[in-house]
């Protein structure tokens, strides 16, 4: 009997889909009478619009109608997460974020809450596209991705969130490097050093660190601060000896009769001691 009922619902949905296709997918003047349809039928119309016709706006309309006509039903729950997904596909990130947050607030214990949190993070992350832009979105993406990692560590989205977190973190370091190189090129050495120091101290696990250390050597040598330059070279050699940045740094130092070694008691000497102790990698 259960299978017969399911089959009847499926036939009903197919009939509705066929009628929509015949009249242009609901693009005519009338469209289906949603008030006479049950939640599953309306939901399947949304799925059809999205999967078969690629009509995201139409799909969102039907998913929203499921919520309106059958609030707090199982189909309304599914429709809400599909709204968040479809908005994201349409690059309507604020709307996607709003729908995802509503799902989290309404159904915090449901399995799809992890996906809603992940979609919320993606709504920030997928707008990170240019190192030259304001990095506010990157910070928001990092916070949202961290929430996925910490709140849903066993979910299928945690590993993806970790990878995206690392990329977003690297993005912030790249921004510091871009500004530092700008100052270095114009011989504003103190300003350049401040930017490269941020990378070494705050973004040391990113791919930007070897170059940051090399640029510190360049900057300090330009100022005649050889102890700091040699110490930066020592850190670079200890952690990144196989990189081209260390090879170039070694040549840069030896041409001036210097060697990569820890000297003095400045901030780089402190970093070097942490490296030796294994507290900083």
Protein backbone atom coordinates (compact mmCIF):
# COMPACT_ATOMS: atom_id res chain seq x y z
CA UNK A 1 0.00 0.00 0.00
CA UNK A 2 2.85 2.39 0.83
CA UNK A 3 4.48 1.76 -2.52
CA UNK A 4 1.19 2.33 -4.29
CA UNK A 5 0.81 5.72 -2.60
CA UNK A 6 4.38 6.70 -3.48
CA UNK A 7 3.80 5.66 -7.08
CA UNK A 8 0.61 7.73 -7.22
CA UNK A 9 2.46 10.80 -5.92
CA UNK A 10 5.21 10.29 -8.46
CA UNK A 11 2.69 9.99 -11.30
CA UNK A 12 0.99 13.15 -10.07
CA UNK A 13 4.28 15.02 -10.03
CA UNK A 14 5.15 13.80 -13.53
CA UNK A 15 1.78 14.94 -14.80
CA UNK A 16 2.40 18.39 -13.34
CA UNK A 17 5.86 18.51 -14.86
CA UNK A 18 4.46 17.48 -18.24
CA UNK A 19 1.84 20.21 -18.07
CA UNK A 20 4.52 22.77 -17.18
CA UNK A 21 6.67 21.65 -20.07
CA UNK A 22 3.76 21.90 -22.47
CA UNK A 23 3.03 25.46 -21.44
CA UNK A 24 6.68 26.53 -21.31
CA UNK A 25 7.67 25.50 -17.79
CA UNK A 26 5.29 27.79 -15.98
CA UNK A 27 6.29 30.70 -18.16
CA UNK A 28 2.71 31.17 -19.36
CA UNK A 29 0.14 33.46 -17.87
CA UNK A 30 -1.28 30.90 -15.43
CA UNK A 31 1.03 28.16 -14.20
CA UNK A 32 0.08 25.52 -11.64
CA UNK A 33 -2.35 26.18 -8.81
CA UNK A 34 0.03 25.67 -5.90
CA UNK A 35 -2.76 25.96 -3.33
CA UNK A 36 -4.15 22.64 -4.58
CA UNK A 37 -0.81 20.83 -4.50
CA UNK A 38 0.86 19.08 -1.59
CA UNK A 39 4.34 19.94 -0.32
CA UNK A 40 6.12 17.13 -2.12
CA UNK A 41 4.62 18.04 -5.49
CA UNK A 42 5.66 21.69 -5.17
CA UNK A 43 9.13 20.66 -4.03
CA UNK A 44 9.53 18.38 -7.04
CA UNK A 45 8.53 21.25 -9.31
CA UNK A 46 11.42 23.18 -7.81
CA UNK A 47 13.76 20.27 -8.40
CA UNK A 48 12.56 20.00 -12.00
CA UNK A 49 13.13 23.70 -12.66
CA UNK A 50 16.65 23.46 -11.25
CA UNK A 51 17.86 20.10 -12.55
CA UNK A 52 16.03 19.80 -15.88
CA UNK A 53 15.52 23.37 -16.97
CA UNK A 54 18.36 25.19 -15.23
CA UNK A 55 15.90 27.85 -14.06
CA UNK A 56 17.25 28.88 -10.67
CA UNK A 57 14.77 31.71 -10.08
CA UNK A 58 11.87 29.39 -10.83
CA UNK A 59 13.28 26.73 -8.51
CA UNK A 60 13.71 29.24 -5.69
CA UNK A 61 10.11 30.37 -6.14
CA UNK A 62 8.77 26.83 -5.71
CA UNK A 63 11.05 26.05 -2.76
CA UNK A 64 9.87 29.25 -1.07
CA UNK A 65 6.25 28.27 -1.69
CA UNK A 66 6.80 24.96 0.08
CA UNK A 67 7.94 26.93 3.13
CA UNK A 68 5.01 29.32 2.91
CA UNK A 69 2.26 26.74 2.40
CA UNK A 70 3.67 23.92 4.54
CA UNK A 71 5.83 25.55 7.23
CA UNK A 72 7.87 23.25 9.51
CA UNK A 73 7.05 20.21 7.40
CA UNK A 74 9.75 17.79 6.30
CA UNK A 75 9.49 19.17 2.77
CA UNK A 76 9.78 22.75 4.03
CA UNK A 77 13.03 21.76 5.73
CA UNK A 78 14.37 20.31 2.49
CA UNK A 79 13.14 23.32 0.53
CA UNK A 80 15.00 25.73 2.80
CA UNK A 81 18.38 24.07 2.35
CA UNK A 82 17.71 23.91 -1.38
CA UNK A 83 17.03 27.63 -1.39
CA UNK A 84 20.43 28.24 0.18
CA UNK A 85 22.06 25.95 -2.38
CA UNK A 86 20.25 27.45 -5.38
CA UNK A 87 20.94 31.03 -4.33
CA UNK A 88 24.61 30.13 -4.06
CA UNK A 89 24.57 28.56 -7.51
CA UNK A 90 23.08 31.80 -8.81
CA UNK A 91 25.85 33.77 -7.04
CA UNK A 92 23.31 35.55 -4.91
CA UNK A 93 25.53 35.22 -1.90
CA UNK A 94 23.66 37.39 0.59
CA UNK A 95 20.42 35.52 -0.10
CA UNK A 96 22.22 32.19 0.17
CA UNK A 97 23.73 33.23 3.48
CA UNK A 98 20.34 34.34 4.79
CA UNK A 99 18.66 31.05 3.84
CA UNK A 100 21.52 29.02 5.29
CA UNK A 101 21.38 30.96 8.55
CA UNK A 102 17.61 30.46 8.77
CA UNK A 103 18.15 26.72 8.38
CA UNK A 104 20.78 26.69 11.13
CA UNK A 105 18.52 28.71 13.44
CA UNK A 106 15.43 26.59 12.75
CA UNK A 107 16.97 23.11 12.46
CA UNK A 108 20.25 23.22 14.42
CA UNK A 109 20.21 19.50 15.24
CA UNK A 110 19.51 18.26 11.71
CA UNK A 111 22.19 16.54 9.64
CA UNK A 112 22.01 19.23 6.94
CA UNK A 113 22.91 21.92 9.50
CA UNK A 114 26.56 21.13 8.74
CA UNK A 115 25.94 21.72 5.04
CA UNK A 116 24.08 24.94 5.80
CA UNK A 117 27.06 26.16 7.83
CA UNK A 118 29.37 25.17 4.97
CA UNK A 119 27.22 27.05 2.44
CA UNK A 120 27.31 30.09 4.70
CA UNK A 121 31.11 29.93 4.71
CA UNK A 122 31.21 29.50 0.93
CA UNK A 123 29.07 32.61 0.52
CA UNK A 124 32.10 34.54 1.78
CA UNK A 125 34.86 32.34 0.42
CA UNK A 126 33.65 32.33 -3.18
CA UNK A 127 33.89 36.11 -3.28
CA UNK A 128 37.62 36.07 -2.52
CA UNK A 129 39.02 36.57 -5.96
CA UNK A 130 41.60 39.32 -5.97
CA UNK A 131 44.55 40.01 -3.67
CA UNK A 132 44.15 43.69 -4.43
CA UNK A 133 40.63 43.91 -3.03
CA UNK A 134 39.62 44.72 0.53
CA UNK A 135 40.22 41.65 2.68
CA UNK A 136 37.15 41.96 4.91
CA UNK A 137 35.48 39.07 3.09
CA UNK A 138 38.56 36.93 3.64
CA UNK A 139 38.39 37.46 7.40
CA UNK A 140 34.68 36.60 7.37
CA UNK A 141 35.37 33.49 5.31
CA UNK A 142 38.04 32.39 7.79
CA UNK A 143 35.66 32.81 10.73
CA UNK A 144 32.87 30.91 8.99
CA UNK A 145 35.17 28.11 7.81
CA UNK A 146 36.60 27.77 11.31
CA UNK A 147 33.03 27.35 12.60
CA UNK A 148 32.50 24.42 10.22
CA UNK A 149 35.77 22.81 11.29
CA UNK A 150 35.13 23.24 15.01
CA UNK A 151 31.37 22.58 15.16
CA UNK A 152 31.21 19.73 12.64
CA UNK A 153 34.65 18.07 12.71
CA UNK A 154 33.27 14.67 11.71
CA UNK A 155 31.16 15.94 8.83
CA UNK A 156 32.04 15.43 5.18
CA UNK A 157 32.49 19.20 4.85
CA UNK A 158 35.19 19.60 7.51
CA UNK A 159 38.09 18.50 5.29
CA UNK A 160 37.03 20.82 2.48
CA UNK A 161 36.67 23.63 5.00
CA UNK A 162 40.23 23.00 6.25
CA UNK A 163 41.63 23.22 2.72
CA UNK A 164 39.72 26.42 2.00
CA UNK A 165 40.75 27.87 5.36
CA UNK A 166 44.42 27.34 4.46
CA UNK A 167 43.91 28.97 1.06
CA UNK A 168 42.11 31.96 2.58
CA UNK A 169 44.86 32.30 5.19
CA UNK A 170 47.46 32.27 2.43
CA UNK A 171 45.40 34.93 0.65
CA UNK A 172 45.78 37.30 3.61
CA UNK A 173 49.52 36.68 3.70
CA UNK A 174 49.73 37.38 -0.03
CA UNK A 175 48.06 40.73 0.57
CA UNK A 176 50.73 41.65 3.13
CA UNK A 177 53.42 40.58 0.69
CA UNK A 178 51.95 42.68 -2.09
CA UNK A 179 52.03 45.78 0.10
CA UNK A 180 55.52 44.96 1.40
CA UNK A 181 56.90 44.59 -2.12
CA UNK A 182 55.29 47.92 -3.03
CA UNK A 183 57.15 49.67 -0.19
CA UNK A 184 60.39 47.82 -0.90
CA UNK A 185 60.36 48.82 -4.56
CA UNK A 186 60.03 52.45 -3.50
CA UNK A 187 62.80 52.08 -0.91
CA UNK A 188 60.47 52.60 2.04
CA UNK A 189 62.37 49.93 3.92
CA UNK A 190 60.90 50.36 7.40
CA UNK A 191 57.35 50.13 6.06
CA UNK A 192 58.28 47.09 3.98
CA UNK A 193 59.86 45.35 6.97
CA UNK A 194 56.69 45.84 9.00
CA UNK A 195 54.64 44.02 6.34
CA UNK A 196 57.09 41.15 5.92
CA UNK A 197 57.30 40.80 9.70
CA UNK A 198 53.54 40.30 9.85
CA UNK A 199 53.86 37.39 7.43
CA UNK A 200 56.70 35.78 9.40
CA UNK A 201 55.00 36.17 12.78
CA UNK A 202 51.30 35.77 11.97
CA UNK A 203 51.20 33.75 8.74
CA UNK A 204 54.23 31.54 9.21
CA UNK A 205 52.47 28.39 7.99
CA UNK A 206 51.62 29.88 4.59
CA UNK A 207 53.48 29.57 1.31
CA UNK A 208 54.42 33.27 1.55
CA UNK A 209 56.90 32.84 4.42
CA UNK A 210 60.06 31.94 2.44
CA UNK A 211 59.75 35.00 0.25
CA UNK A 212 58.95 37.18 3.27
CA UNK A 213 62.23 36.11 4.90
CA UNK A 214 64.14 36.79 1.70
CA UNK A 215 62.60 40.25 1.39
CA UNK A 216 63.55 40.94 4.99
CA UNK A 217 67.17 40.16 4.07
CA UNK A 218 66.97 42.58 1.16
CA UNK A 219 65.41 45.28 3.33
CA UNK A 220 67.81 44.93 6.25
CA UNK A 221 70.86 44.87 4.00
CA UNK A 222 69.65 48.06 2.35
CA UNK A 223 69.54 49.66 5.80
CA UNK A 224 72.95 48.25 6.76
CA UNK A 225 71.45 46.06 9.50
CA UNK A 226 73.54 42.97 8.88
CA UNK A 227 72.72 41.09 12.10
CA UNK A 228 69.01 41.09 11.25
CA UNK A 229 69.73 40.13 7.62
CA UNK A 230 71.93 37.19 8.68
CA UNK A 231 69.35 36.00 11.20
CA UNK A 232 66.60 36.08 8.60
CA UNK A 233 68.91 34.02 6.39
CA UNK A 234 69.45 31.51 9.19
CA UNK A 235 65.70 31.05 9.66
CA UNK A 236 65.24 30.68 5.92
CA UNK A 237 68.00 28.08 5.79
CA UNK A 238 66.67 26.16 8.77
CA UNK A 239 63.09 25.83 7.50
CA UNK A 240 63.25 26.38 3.74
CA UNK A 241 66.72 25.35 2.63
CA UNK A 242 65.47 23.61 -0.53
CA UNK A 243 63.69 26.68 -1.86
CA UNK A 244 64.95 29.09 -4.48
CA UNK A 245 64.47 31.87 -1.91
CA UNK A 246 67.18 30.39 0.31
CA UNK A 247 69.54 29.89 -2.62
CA UNK A 248 69.12 33.54 -3.63
CA UNK A 249 69.43 34.68 -0.02
CA UNK A 250 72.65 32.71 0.46
CA UNK A 251 74.20 34.34 -2.61
CA UNK A 252 72.98 37.78 -1.52
CA UNK A 253 74.61 37.41 1.90
CA UNK A 254 77.87 35.78 0.80
CA UNK A 255 78.47 38.47 -1.82
CA UNK A 256 78.74 40.89 1.09
CA UNK A 257 80.98 38.59 3.12
CA UNK A 258 78.12 37.50 5.39
CA UNK A 259 76.70 34.11 6.30
CA UNK A 260 73.23 32.91 7.35
CA UNK A 261 73.54 32.77 11.14
CA UNK A 262 71.60 34.00 14.14
CA UNK A 263 73.03 37.22 15.53
CA UNK A 264 71.88 39.96 17.87
CA UNK A 265 68.82 39.96 20.11
CA UNK A 266 66.09 41.44 17.90
CA UNK A 267 62.70 40.01 17.03
CA UNK A 268 64.18 37.71 14.38
CA UNK A 269 66.60 36.26 16.93
CA UNK A 270 63.59 35.38 19.07
CA UNK A 271 61.93 33.69 16.09
CA UNK A 272 65.14 31.78 15.40
CA UNK A 273 65.26 30.45 18.96
CA UNK A 274 61.66 29.31 18.60
CA UNK A 275 62.56 27.55 15.36
CA UNK A 276 65.40 25.65 17.03
CA UNK A 277 63.11 24.59 19.85
CA UNK A 278 60.53 23.40 17.33
CA UNK A 279 57.86 25.82 18.51
CA UNK A 280 57.63 27.58 15.18
CA UNK A 281 57.51 25.82 11.81
